Protein backbone atom coordinates (compact mmCIF):
# COMPACT_ATOMS: atom_id res chain seq x y z
CA MET A 1 96.58 87.81 105.19
CA ASN A 2 96.83 84.14 106.01
CA ASN A 3 100.14 83.36 104.30
CA ILE A 4 102.88 85.38 105.96
CA SER A 5 105.38 84.62 103.19
CA GLN A 6 103.15 86.48 100.70
CA ILE A 7 102.86 89.68 102.73
CA LYS A 8 105.07 92.52 101.53
CA PRO A 9 105.90 94.90 104.37
CA SER A 10 106.35 98.47 103.27
CA ILE A 11 107.27 101.84 104.62
CA SER A 12 106.89 105.27 102.99
CA PHE A 13 108.79 108.49 103.49
CA HIS A 14 107.12 111.80 102.65
CA ILE A 15 110.16 114.06 102.66
CA LYS A 16 108.26 117.28 101.89
CA TYR A 17 105.86 116.84 104.83
CA SER A 18 108.31 115.13 107.24
CA VAL A 19 106.10 112.04 107.57
CA ILE A 20 107.12 108.40 107.83
CA LEU A 21 104.31 105.92 107.17
CA ILE A 22 104.73 102.42 108.53
CA HIS A 23 102.16 100.42 106.62
CA LYS A 24 99.74 98.03 108.29
CA SER A 25 101.34 95.02 106.59
CA ALA A 26 104.63 95.75 108.34
CA LEU A 27 102.97 96.04 111.73
CA TYR A 28 101.00 92.86 111.10
CA LEU A 29 104.19 90.89 110.47
CA LEU A 30 105.64 92.17 113.75
CA GLY A 31 102.54 90.93 115.58
CA ASN A 32 100.72 94.30 115.77
CA PRO A 33 102.97 95.57 118.56
CA SER A 34 102.11 98.40 120.91
CA TYR A 35 105.69 99.69 120.66
CA ILE A 36 108.25 99.60 117.87
CA GLN A 37 111.84 100.66 117.55
CA ILE A 38 113.33 102.14 114.38
CA LEU A 39 117.01 101.42 113.86
CA ILE A 40 119.15 103.00 111.15
CA ASN A 41 122.32 101.41 109.75
CA PRO A 42 124.26 104.06 107.80
CA CYS A 43 126.87 101.53 106.62
CA ASP A 44 124.52 99.48 104.48
CA LYS A 45 121.86 102.22 104.20
CA SER A 46 119.11 100.20 105.78
CA ILE A 47 116.24 100.77 108.19
CA VAL A 48 115.15 98.10 110.64
CA LEU A 49 111.83 97.92 112.50
CA CYS A 50 111.46 95.66 115.49
CA LYS A 51 108.97 95.07 118.26
CA SER A 52 109.77 96.89 121.49
CA SER A 53 108.28 97.65 124.89
CA GLU A 54 107.18 100.65 126.90
CA ASN A 55 110.38 100.37 128.97
CA ASP A 56 112.50 101.22 125.92
CA TYR A 57 113.01 104.98 125.79
CA LEU A 58 113.75 104.74 122.03
CA ALA A 59 110.42 103.05 121.30
CA HIS A 60 107.48 104.62 119.49
CA HIS A 61 103.99 103.89 120.82
CA ILE A 62 101.51 102.52 118.29
CA ASP A 63 97.91 103.33 119.22
CA ALA A 64 95.71 100.39 118.12
CA LYS A 65 92.68 102.70 117.92
CA VAL A 66 94.24 104.43 114.91
CA PHE A 67 93.59 101.37 112.75
CA SER A 68 89.94 101.02 113.73
CA PHE A 69 89.04 104.04 111.58
CA GLY A 70 90.28 102.61 108.28
CA ASN A 71 93.80 103.99 108.36
CA HIS A 72 96.33 101.66 106.85
CA SER A 73 99.51 103.03 108.30
CA TYR A 74 101.11 104.50 111.40
CA LYS A 75 102.24 108.09 110.90
CA LEU A 76 105.42 109.27 112.50
CA TYR A 77 106.37 112.93 112.14
CA SER A 78 110.12 113.56 112.32
CA LYS A 79 111.83 116.24 110.30
CA ALA A 80 115.19 115.55 111.96
CA LEU A 81 115.11 111.82 111.14
CA LEU A 82 114.15 112.44 107.52
CA GLN A 83 116.89 115.05 107.14
CA GLU A 84 119.43 112.53 108.40
CA LEU A 85 118.10 109.86 106.05
CA CYS A 86 118.42 112.29 103.13
CA LYS A 87 122.03 113.00 104.12
CA MET A 88 122.67 109.28 104.29
CA TYR A 89 120.98 108.66 100.92
CA PRO A 90 121.46 111.90 98.91
CA THR A 91 119.46 110.74 95.87
CA TRP A 92 116.30 111.29 97.92
CA LYS A 93 114.83 114.67 97.11
CA ASN A 94 111.70 116.50 98.24
CA LYS A 95 109.36 113.64 97.16
CA THR A 96 107.63 110.56 98.52
CA TYR A 97 109.47 107.24 98.52
CA ARG A 98 108.33 103.72 99.30
CA ILE A 99 110.42 100.72 100.24
CA TYR A 100 109.32 97.09 100.37
CA GLY A 101 111.11 95.24 103.12
CA GLU A 102 112.14 91.79 104.12
CA TYR A 103 110.79 89.97 107.18
CA PHE A 104 113.13 87.92 109.37
CA PRO A 105 110.87 85.69 111.49
CA ALA A 106 113.68 84.27 113.66
CA SER A 107 114.44 87.73 115.06
CA ASN A 108 110.95 89.19 114.41
CA MET A 109 112.28 92.22 112.54
CA LEU A 110 111.82 93.96 109.23
CA LYS A 111 114.68 95.32 107.15
CA PHE A 112 114.26 97.98 104.48
CA ASN A 113 117.13 98.76 102.12
CA MET A 114 117.15 102.39 100.97
CA ALA A 115 118.63 101.34 97.62
CA ASN A 116 115.30 99.60 96.91
CA SER A 117 113.29 102.79 97.33
CA PHE A 118 111.15 104.15 94.50
CA ASP A 119 108.96 107.20 93.89
CA ALA A 120 105.50 106.59 95.22
């Protein structure tokens, strides 16, 4: 993972099991943060991940120990969030979807467009 421009950040949504997987490549691009924030833009149907801090009440804590056991993603369980995403993007059904995102180094954020999602 030496060349950052070649890394493809990805995120997966397991609708049936209410699980969001933020893949290790995405976290690596953000600098392996201890906290991240997930922002949703319903206008352009996009999801943004950015580095955050423990002082942000909207932040999700990433436990670094999780990755020491060979896991390649951070699991976030949220039925309510996935239901809202399915309302926002009604073509999503009770399946698993993956989205490859775009990294913006100037603002240290990742953007995932729901229109680019595919069955995983």
